[in-house]
């Protein structure tokens, strides 16, 4: 398997519109999330990258919730305003 691709074959170029349409449809889906498939795929990415597995996977309702909640959660964990000894 090549580690770097510098040029596509004509067959690969011809297949691009179909792949683009498939992934656009996936990206625009608004139905229920298949969390088991997501978590399995995410863990496989960590394994492939030789990173430690996440201890917890937090499910959120939308990318916007994630964008707002993740920095807040990080700040809370770093500062622990409820723990006066931290």
PDB file of N, CA and C in Angstrom:
ATOM      1  N   UNK A   1       0.847  -1.179   0.000  1.00  0.00           N
ATOM      2  CA  UNK A   1       0.000   0.000   0.000  1.00  0.00           C
ATOM      3  C   UNK A   1       0.892   1.242   0.000  1.00  0.00           C
ATOM      4  N   UNK A   2       0.655   2.175  -0.916  1.00  0.00           N
ATOM      5  CA  UNK A   2       1.493   3.372  -0.942  1.00  0.00           C
ATOM      6  C   UNK A   2       1.242   4.258   0.279  1.00  0.00           C
ATOM      7  N   UNK A   3       2.303   4.875   0.767  1.00  0.00           N
ATOM      8  CA  UNK A   3       2.171   5.771   1.911  1.00  0.00           C
ATOM      9  C   UNK A   3       1.787   7.170   1.469  1.00  0.00           C
ATOM     10  N   UNK A   4       2.070   7.498   0.214  1.00  0.00           N
ATOM     11  CA  UNK A   4       1.767   8.829  -0.287  1.00  0.00           C
ATOM     12  C   UNK A   4       1.208   8.702  -1.693  1.00  0.00           C
ATOM     13  N   UNK A   5       0.157   9.427  -1.955  1.00  0.00           N
ATOM     14  CA  UNK A   5      -0.447   9.419  -3.285  1.00  0.00           C
ATOM     15  C   UNK A   5      -0.252  10.807  -3.884  1.00  0.00           C
ATOM     16  N   UNK A   6       0.441  10.859  -5.001  1.00  0.00           N
ATOM     17  CA  UNK A   6       0.702  12.132  -5.670  1.00  0.00           C
ATOM     18  C   UNK A   6      -0.210  12.357  -6.870  1.00  0.00           C
ATOM     19  N   UNK A   7      -0.815  11.286  -7.372  1.00  0.00           N
ATOM     20  CA  UNK A   7      -1.617  11.407  -8.578  1.00  0.00           C
ATOM     21  C   UNK A   7      -2.708  10.340  -8.554  1.00  0.00           C
ATOM     22  N   UNK A   8      -3.901  10.710  -9.008  1.00  0.00           N
ATOM     23  CA  UNK A   8      -4.999   9.756  -9.095  1.00  0.00           C
ATOM     24  C   UNK A   8      -5.037   9.132 -10.487  1.00  0.00           C
ATOM     25  N   UNK A   9      -5.505   7.884 -10.533  1.00  0.00           N
ATOM     26  CA  UNK A   9      -5.715   7.247 -11.833  1.00  0.00           C
ATOM     27  C   UNK A   9      -6.985   7.843 -12.451  1.00  0.00           C
ATOM     28  N   UNK A  10      -7.179   7.607 -13.719  1.00  0.00           N
ATOM     29  CA  UNK A  10      -8.392   8.094 -14.384  1.00  0.00           C
ATOM     30  C   UNK A  10      -9.638   7.468 -13.747  1.00  0.00           C
ATOM     31  N   UNK A  11      -9.562   6.197 -13.363  1.00  0.00           N
ATOM     32  CA  UNK A  11     -10.698   5.538 -12.708  1.00  0.00           C
ATOM     33  C   UNK A  11     -11.002   6.197 -11.362  1.00  0.00           C
ATOM     34  N   UNK A  12      -9.958   6.549 -10.615  1.00  0.00           N
ATOM     35  CA  UNK A  12     -10.155   7.216  -9.332  1.00  0.00           C
ATOM     36  C   UNK A  12     -10.768   8.602  -9.530  1.00  0.00           C
ATOM     37  N   UNK A  13     -10.296   9.340 -10.518  1.00  0.00           N
ATOM     38  CA  UNK A  13     -10.871  10.648 -10.824  1.00  0.00           C
ATOM     39  C   UNK A  13     -12.341  10.518 -11.194  1.00  0.00           C
ATOM     40  N   UNK A  14     -12.668   9.519 -11.996  1.00  0.00           N
ATOM     41  CA  UNK A  14     -14.047   9.319 -12.432  1.00  0.00           C
ATOM     42  C   UNK A  14     -14.959   8.948 -11.270  1.00  0.00           C
ATOM     43  N   UNK A  15     -14.417   8.311 -10.234  1.00  0.00           N
ATOM     44  CA  UNK A  15     -15.222   7.888  -9.084  1.00  0.00           C
ATOM     45  C   UNK A  15     -15.489   9.027  -8.099  1.00  0.00           C
ATOM     46  N   UNK A  16     -14.755  10.131  -8.192  1.00  0.00           N
ATOM     47  CA  UNK A  16     -14.867  11.218  -7.213  1.00  0.00           C
ATOM     48  C   UNK A  16     -16.270  11.816  -7.089  1.00  0.00           C
ATOM     49  N   UNK A  17     -16.981  12.110  -8.173  1.00  0.00           N
ATOM     50  CA  UNK A  17     -18.322  12.691  -7.995  1.00  0.00           C
ATOM     51  C   UNK A  17     -19.256  11.792  -7.175  1.00  0.00           C
ATOM     52  N   UNK A  18     -19.199  10.499  -7.385  1.00  0.00           N
ATOM     53  CA  UNK A  18     -20.024   9.575  -6.616  1.00  0.00           C
ATOM     54  C   UNK A  18     -19.662   9.575  -5.144  1.00  0.00           C
ATOM     55  N   UNK A  19     -18.350   9.559  -4.851  1.00  0.00           N
ATOM     56  CA  UNK A  19     -17.909   9.594  -3.460  1.00  0.00           C
ATOM     57  C   UNK A  19     -18.273  10.918  -2.812  1.00  0.00           C
ATOM     58  N   UNK A  20     -18.122  12.009  -3.541  1.00  0.00           N
ATOM     59  CA  UNK A  20     -18.481  13.316  -2.990  1.00  0.00           C
ATOM     60  C   UNK A  20     -19.955  13.339  -2.619  1.00  0.00           C
ATOM     61  N   UNK A  21     -20.808  12.860  -3.517  1.00  0.00           N
ATOM     62  CA  UNK A  21     -22.253  12.847  -3.250  1.00  0.00           C
ATOM     63  C   UNK A  21     -22.576  11.986  -2.031  1.00  0.00           C
ATOM     64  N   UNK A  22     -21.938  10.821  -1.927  1.00  0.00           N
ATOM     65  CA  UNK A  22     -22.183   9.937  -0.785  1.00  0.00           C
ATOM     66  C   UNK A  22     -21.863  10.653   0.524  1.00  0.00           C
ATOM     67  N   UNK A  23     -20.696  11.294   0.610  1.00  0.00           N
ATOM     68  CA  UNK A  23     -20.273  11.913   1.860  1.00  0.00           C
ATOM     69  C   UNK A  23     -21.017  13.210   2.154  1.00  0.00           C
ATOM     70  N   UNK A  24     -21.476  13.897   1.118  1.00  0.00           N
ATOM     71  CA  UNK A  24     -22.332  15.063   1.344  1.00  0.00           C
ATOM     72  C   UNK A  24     -23.651  14.604   1.966  1.00  0.00           C
ATOM     73  N   UNK A  25     -24.231  13.528   1.452  1.00  0.00           N
ATOM     74  CA  UNK A  25     -25.475  12.989   2.023  1.00  0.00           C
ATOM     75  C   UNK A  25     -25.277  12.564   3.469  1.00  0.00           C
ATOM     76  N   UNK A  26     -24.176  11.907   3.761  1.00  0.00           N
ATOM     77  CA  UNK A  26     -23.896  11.490   5.136  1.00  0.00           C
ATOM     78  C   UNK A  26     -23.761  12.716   6.034  1.00  0.00           C
ATOM     79  N   UNK A  27     -23.044  13.727   5.564  1.00  0.00           N
ATOM     80  CA  UNK A  27     -22.822  14.925   6.363  1.00  0.00           C
ATOM     81  C   UNK A  27     -24.090  15.710   6.638  1.00  0.00           C
ATOM     82  N   UNK A  28     -25.073  15.593   5.759  1.00  0.00           N
ATOM     83  CA  UNK A  28     -26.315  16.344   5.921  1.00  0.00           C
ATOM     84  C   UNK A  28     -27.396  15.579   6.681  1.00  0.00           C
ATOM     85  N   UNK A  29     -27.118  14.355   7.063  1.00  0.00           N
ATOM     86  CA  UNK A  29     -28.112  13.574   7.803  1.00  0.00           C
ATOM     87  C   UNK A  29     -28.431  14.226   9.141  1.00  0.00           C
ATOM     88  N   UNK A  30     -29.697  14.163   9.502  1.00  0.00           N
ATOM     89  CA  UNK A  30     -30.109  14.741  10.775  1.00  0.00           C
ATOM     90  C   UNK A  30     -30.837  13.729  11.656  1.00  0.00           C
ATOM     91  N   UNK A  31     -30.806  12.478  11.293  1.00  0.00           N
ATOM     92  CA  UNK A  31     -31.498  11.452  12.076  1.00  0.00           C
ATOM     93  C   UNK A  31     -30.713  11.062  13.320  1.00  0.00           C
ATOM     94  N   UNK A  32     -31.146   9.990  13.928  1.00  0.00           N
ATOM     95  CA  UNK A  32     -30.515   9.490  15.154  1.00  0.00           C
ATOM     96  C   UNK A  32     -29.077   9.058  14.875  1.00  0.00           C
ATOM     97  N   UNK A  33     -28.230   9.262  15.856  1.00  0.00           N
ATOM     98  CA  UNK A  33     -26.821   8.892  15.744  1.00  0.00           C
ATOM     99  C   UNK A  33     -26.637   7.436  16.132  1.00  0.00           C
ATOM    100  N   UNK A  34     -25.824   6.731  15.376  1.00  0.00           N
ATOM    101  CA  UNK A  34     -25.457   5.357  15.708  1.00  0.00           C
ATOM    102  C   UNK A  34     -24.217   5.431  16.599  1.00  0.00           C
ATOM    103  N   UNK A  35     -24.445   5.608  17.902  1.00  0.00           N
ATOM    104  CA  UNK A  35     -23.342   5.842  18.832  1.00  0.00           C
ATOM    105  C   UNK A  35     -22.382   4.660  18.926  1.00  0.00           C
ATOM    106  N   UNK A  36     -22.887   3.444  18.821  1.00  0.00           N
ATOM    107  CA  UNK A  36     -22.004   2.272  18.924  1.00  0.00           C
ATOM    108  C   UNK A  36     -21.002   2.260  17.769  1.00  0.00           C
ATOM    109  N   UNK A  37     -21.482   2.547  16.561  1.00  0.00           N
ATOM    110  CA  UNK A  37     -20.590   2.583  15.400  1.00  0.00           C
ATOM    111  C   UNK A  37     -19.606   3.733  15.524  1.00  0.00           C
ATOM    112  N   UNK A  38     -20.094   4.903  15.964  1.00  0.00           N
ATOM    113  CA  UNK A  38     -19.198   6.048  16.157  1.00  0.00           C
ATOM    114  C   UNK A  38     -18.098   5.719  17.154  1.00  0.00           C
ATOM    115  N   UNK A  39     -18.490   5.191  18.304  1.00  0.00           N
ATOM    116  CA  UNK A  39     -17.496   4.934  19.352  1.00  0.00           C
ATOM    117  C   UNK A  39     -16.476   3.900  18.895  1.00  0.00           C
ATOM    118  N   UNK A  40     -16.935   2.861  18.201  1.00  0.00           N
ATOM    119  CA  UNK A  40     -16.007   1.854  17.686  1.00  0.00           C
ATOM    120  C   UNK A  40     -15.012   2.503  16.719  1.00  0.00           C
ATOM    121  N   UNK A  41     -15.519   3.331  15.801  1.00  0.00           N
ATOM    122  CA  UNK A  41     -14.650   3.995  14.831  1.00  0.00           C
ATOM    123  C   UNK A  41     -13.676   4.951  15.495  1.00  0.00           C
ATOM    124  N   UNK A  42     -14.148   5.704  16.474  1.00  0.00           N
ATOM    125  CA  UNK A  42     -13.274   6.643  17.183  1.00  0.00           C
ATOM    126  C   UNK A  42     -12.159   5.886  17.909  1.00  0.00           C
ATOM    127  N   UNK A  43     -12.520   4.789  18.562  1.00  0.00           N
ATOM    128  CA  UNK A  43     -11.510   4.002  19.281  1.00  0.00           C
ATOM    129  C   UNK A  43     -10.494   3.388  18.314  1.00  0.00           C
ATOM    130  N   UNK A  44     -10.964   2.989  17.137  1.00  0.00           N
ATOM    131  CA  UNK A  44     -10.045   2.465  16.119  1.00  0.00           C
ATOM    132  C   UNK A  44      -9.070   3.548  15.661  1.00  0.00           C
ATOM    133  N   UNK A  45      -9.550   4.788  15.548  1.00  0.00           N
ATOM    134  CA  UNK A  45      -8.661   5.900  15.174  1.00  0.00           C
ATOM    135  C   UNK A  45      -7.582   6.097  16.228  1.00  0.00           C
ATOM    136  N   UNK A  46      -7.969   6.061  17.494  1.00  0.00           N
ATOM    137  CA  UNK A  46      -6.989   6.190  18.575  1.00  0.00           C
ATOM    138  C   UNK A  46      -5.979   5.047  18.514  1.00  0.00           C
ATOM    139  N   UNK A  47      -6.472   3.824  18.302  1.00  0.00           N
ATOM    140  CA  UNK A  47      -5.580   2.666  18.238  1.00  0.00           C
ATOM    141  C   UNK A  47      -4.604   2.808  17.078  1.00  0.00           C
ATOM    142  N   UNK A  48      -5.112   3.192  15.900  1.00  0.00           N
ATOM    143  CA  UNK A  48      -4.269   3.346  14.719  1.00  0.00           C
ATOM    144  C   UNK A  48      -3.193   4.409  14.939  1.00  0.00           C
ATOM    145  N   UNK A  49      -3.557   5.477  15.649  1.00  0.00           N
ATOM    146  CA  UNK A  49      -2.614   6.562  15.925  1.00  0.00           C
ATOM    147  C   UNK A  49      -1.700   6.260  17.110  1.00  0.00           C
ATOM    148  N   UNK A  50      -1.872   5.055  17.684  1.00  0.00           N
ATOM    149  CA  UNK A  50      -1.068   4.628  18.843  1.00  0.00           C
ATOM    150  C   UNK A  50      -1.226   5.589  20.021  1.00  0.00           C
ATOM    151  N   UNK A  51      -2.468   6.025  20.240  1.00  0.00           N
ATOM    152  CA  UNK A  51      -2.806   6.886  21.372  1.00  0.00           C
ATOM    153  C   UNK A  51      -3.568   6.071  22.401  1.00  0.00           C
ATOM    154  N   UNK A  52      -3.493   6.481  23.647  1.00  0.00           N
ATOM    155  CA  UNK A  52      -4.265   5.823  24.689  1.00  0.00           C
ATOM    156  C   UNK A  52      -5.761   5.979  24.427  1.00  0.00           C
ATOM    157  N   UNK A  53      -6.511   4.971  24.775  1.00  0.00           N
ATOM    158  CA  UNK A  53      -7.957   5.009  24.570  1.00  0.00           C
ATOM    159  C   UNK A  53      -8.617   6.007  25.512  1.00  0.00           C
ATOM    160  N   UNK A  54      -9.636   6.716  25.036  1.00  0.00           N
ATOM    161  CA  UNK A  54     -10.363   7.612  25.938  1.00  0.00           C
ATOM    162  C   UNK A  54     -11.046   6.808  27.034  1.00  0.00           C
ATOM    163  N   UNK A  55     -11.063   7.345  28.239  1.00  0.00           N
ATOM    164  CA  UNK A  55     -11.727   6.656  29.350  1.00  0.00           C
ATOM    165  C   UNK A  55     -13.236   6.823  29.249  1.00  0.00           C
ATOM    166  N   UNK A  56     -13.668   7.947  28.721  1.00  0.00           N
ATOM    167  CA  UNK A  56     -15.093   8.253  28.615  1.00  0.00           C
ATOM    168  C   UNK A  56     -15.362   8.855  27.241  1.00  0.00           C
ATOM    169  N   UNK A  57     -16.450   8.459  26.629  1.00  0.00           N
ATOM    170  CA  UNK A  57     -16.910   9.087  25.396  1.00  0.00           C
ATOM    171  C   UNK A  57     -18.217   9.786  25.741  1.00  0.00           C
ATOM    172  N   UNK A  58     -18.233  11.090  25.577  1.00  0.00           N
ATOM    173  CA  UNK A  58     -19.412  11.884  25.931  1.00  0.00           C
ATOM    174  C   UNK A  58     -20.245  12.107  24.678  1.00  0.00           C
ATOM    175  N   UNK A  59     -21.512  11.754  24.747  1.00  0.00           N
ATOM    176  CA  UNK A  59     -22.434  11.955  23.631  1.00  0.00           C
ATOM    177  C   UNK A  59     -23.104  13.310  23.784  1.00  0.00           C
ATOM    178  N   UNK A  60     -23.097  14.092  22.725  1.00  0.00           N
ATOM    179  CA  UNK A  60     -23.774  15.390  22.733  1.00  0.00           C
ATOM    180  C   UNK A  60     -24.785  15.426  21.597  1.00  0.00           C
ATOM    181  N   UNK A  61     -25.702  16.384  21.664  1.00  0.00           N
ATOM    182  CA  UNK A  61     -26.798  16.437  20.703  1.00  0.00           C
ATOM    183  C   UNK A  61     -26.416  17.030  19.360  1.00  0.00           C
ATOM    184  N   UNK A  62     -25.348  17.829  19.310  1.00  0.00           N
ATOM    185  CA  UNK A  62     -24.995  18.470  18.042  1.00  0.00           C
ATOM    186  C   UNK A  62     -23.559  18.978  18.109  1.00  0.00           C
ATOM    187  N   UNK A  63     -22.975  19.288  16.948  1.00  0.00           N
ATOM    188  CA  UNK A  63     -21.641  19.888  16.949  1.00  0.00           C
ATOM    189  C   UNK A  63     -21.602  21.218  17.709  1.00  0.00           C
ATOM    190  N   UNK A  64     -22.692  21.972  17.678  1.00  0.00           N
ATOM    191  CA  UNK A  64     -22.731  23.239  18.408  1.00  0.00           C
ATOM    192  C   UNK A  64     -22.630  22.992  19.910  1.00  0.00           C
ATOM    193  N   UNK A  65     -23.356  21.999  20.415  1.00  0.00           N
ATOM    194  CA  UNK A  65     -23.268  21.666  21.843  1.00  0.00           C
ATOM    195  C   UNK A  65     -21.831  21.283  22.184  1.00  0.00           C
ATOM    196  N   UNK A  66     -21.193  20.509  21.333  1.00  0.00           N
ATOM    197  CA  UNK A  66     -19.801  20.120  21.571  1.00  0.00           C
ATOM    198  C   UNK A  66     -18.890  21.346  21.592  1.00  0.00           C
ATOM    199  N   UNK A  67     -19.084  22.245  20.635  1.00  0.00           N
ATOM    200  CA  UNK A  67     -18.233  23.438  20.549  1.00  0.00           C
ATOM    201  C   UNK A  67     -18.354  24.309  21.796  1.00  0.00           C
ATOM    202  N   UNK A  68     -19.530  24.342  22.391  1.00  0.00           N
ATOM    203  CA  UNK A  68     -19.734  25.137  23.593  1.00  0.00           C
ATOM    204  C   UNK A  68     -19.352  24.381  24.864  1.00  0.00           C
ATOM    205  N   UNK A  69     -19.692  23.106  24.928  1.00  0.00           N
ATOM    206  CA  UNK A  69     -19.514  22.338  26.157  1.00  0.00           C
ATOM    207  C   UNK A  69     -18.059  21.914  26.387  1.00  0.00           C
ATOM    208  N   UNK A  70     -17.332  21.572  25.343  1.00  0.00           N
ATOM    209  CA  UNK A  70     -15.972  21.054  25.530  1.00  0.00           C
ATOM    210  C   UNK A  70     -15.048  22.069  26.201  1.00  0.00           C
ATOM    211  N   UNK A  71     -14.981  23.313  25.721  1.00  0.00           N
ATOM    212  CA  UNK A  71     -14.092  24.261  26.421  1.00  0.00           C
ATOM    213  C   UNK A  71     -14.547  24.535  27.855  1.00  0.00           C
ATOM    214  N   UNK A  72     -15.841  24.595  28.068  1.00  0.00           N
ATOM    215  CA  UNK A  72     -16.350  24.825  29.412  1.00  0.00           C
ATOM    216  C   UNK A  72     -15.975  23.662  30.330  1.00  0.00           C
ATOM    217  N   UNK A  73     -16.157  22.443  29.850  1.00  0.00           N
ATOM    218  CA  UNK A  73     -15.797  21.270  30.654  1.00  0.00           C
ATOM    219  C   UNK A  73     -14.295  21.270  30.948  1.00  0.00           C
ATOM    220  N   UNK A  74     -13.488  21.614  29.956  1.00  0.00           N
ATOM    221  CA  UNK A  74     -12.046  21.673  30.168  1.00  0.00           C
ATOM    222  C   UNK A  74     -11.671  22.699  31.223  1.00  0.00           C
ATOM    223  N   UNK A  75     -12.303  23.865  31.155  1.00  0.00           N
ATOM    224  CA  UNK A  75     -12.026  24.908  32.136  1.00  0.00           C
ATOM    225  C   UNK A  75     -12.428  24.449  33.537  1.00  0.00           C
ATOM    226  N   UNK A  76     -13.609  23.841  33.634  1.00  0.00           N
ATOM    227  CA  UNK A  76     -14.077  23.362  34.937  1.00  0.00           C
ATOM    228  C   UNK A  76     -13.135  22.307  35.511  1.00  0.00           C
ATOM    229  N   UNK A  77     -12.677  21.390  34.668  1.00  0.00           N
ATOM    230  CA  UNK A  77     -11.770  20.351  35.152  1.00  0.00           C
ATOM    231  C   UNK A  77     -10.415  20.924  35.556  1.00  0.00           C
ATOM    232  N   UNK A  78      -9.948  21.931  34.825  1.00  0.00           N
ATOM    233  CA  UNK A  78      -8.663  22.558  35.167  1.00  0.00           C
ATOM    234  C   UNK A  78      -8.752  23.409  36.425  1.00  0.00           C
ATOM    235  N   UNK A  79      -9.872  24.068  36.633  1.00  0.00           N
ATOM    236  CA  UNK A  79      -9.985  25.039  37.728  1.00  0.00           C
ATOM    237  C   UNK A  79     -10.769  24.533  38.935  1.00  0.00           C
ATOM    238  N   UNK A  80     -11.633  23.585  38.756  1.00  0.00           N
ATOM    239  CA  UNK A  80     -12.413  22.968  39.832  1.00  0.00           C
ATOM    240  C   UNK A  80     -12.903  23.977  40.865  1.00  0.00           C
ATOM    241  N   UNK A  81     -13.777  24.883  40.469  1.00  0.00           N
ATOM    242  CA  UNK A  81     -14.236  25.904  41.413  1.00  0.00           C
ATOM    243  C   UNK A  81     -14.982  25.306  42.610  1.00  0.00           C
ATOM    244  N   UNK A  82     -15.470  24.101  42.513  1.00  0.00           N
ATOM    245  CA  UNK A  82     -16.172  23.458  43.615  1.00  0.00           C
ATOM    246  C   UNK A  82     -15.213  22.858  44.649  1.00  0.00           C
ATOM    247  N   UNK A  83     -13.925  22.695  44.256  1.00  0.00           N
ATOM    248  CA  UNK A  83     -12.937  22.074  45.143  1.00  0.00           C
ATOM    249  C   UNK A  83     -11.950  23.139  45.595  1.00  0.00           C
ATOM    250  N   UNK A  84     -12.094  23.607  46.806  1.00  0.00           N
ATOM    251  CA  UNK A  84     -11.255  24.711  47.308  1.00  0.00           C
ATOM    252  C   UNK A  84      -9.817  24.266  47.583  1.00  0.00           C
ATOM    253  N   UNK A  85      -9.529  22.940  47.534  1.00  0.00           N
ATOM    254  CA  UNK A  85      -8.168  22.465  47.793  1.00  0.00           C
ATOM    255  C   UNK A  85      -7.374  22.299  46.505  1.00  0.00           C
ATOM    256  N   UNK A  86      -8.038  22.378  45.366  1.00  0.00           N
ATOM    257  CA  UNK A  86      -7.338  22.154  44.082  1.00  0.00           C
ATOM    258  C   UNK A  86      -6.589  23.397  43.640  1.00  0.00           C
TER     259      UNK A  86
END
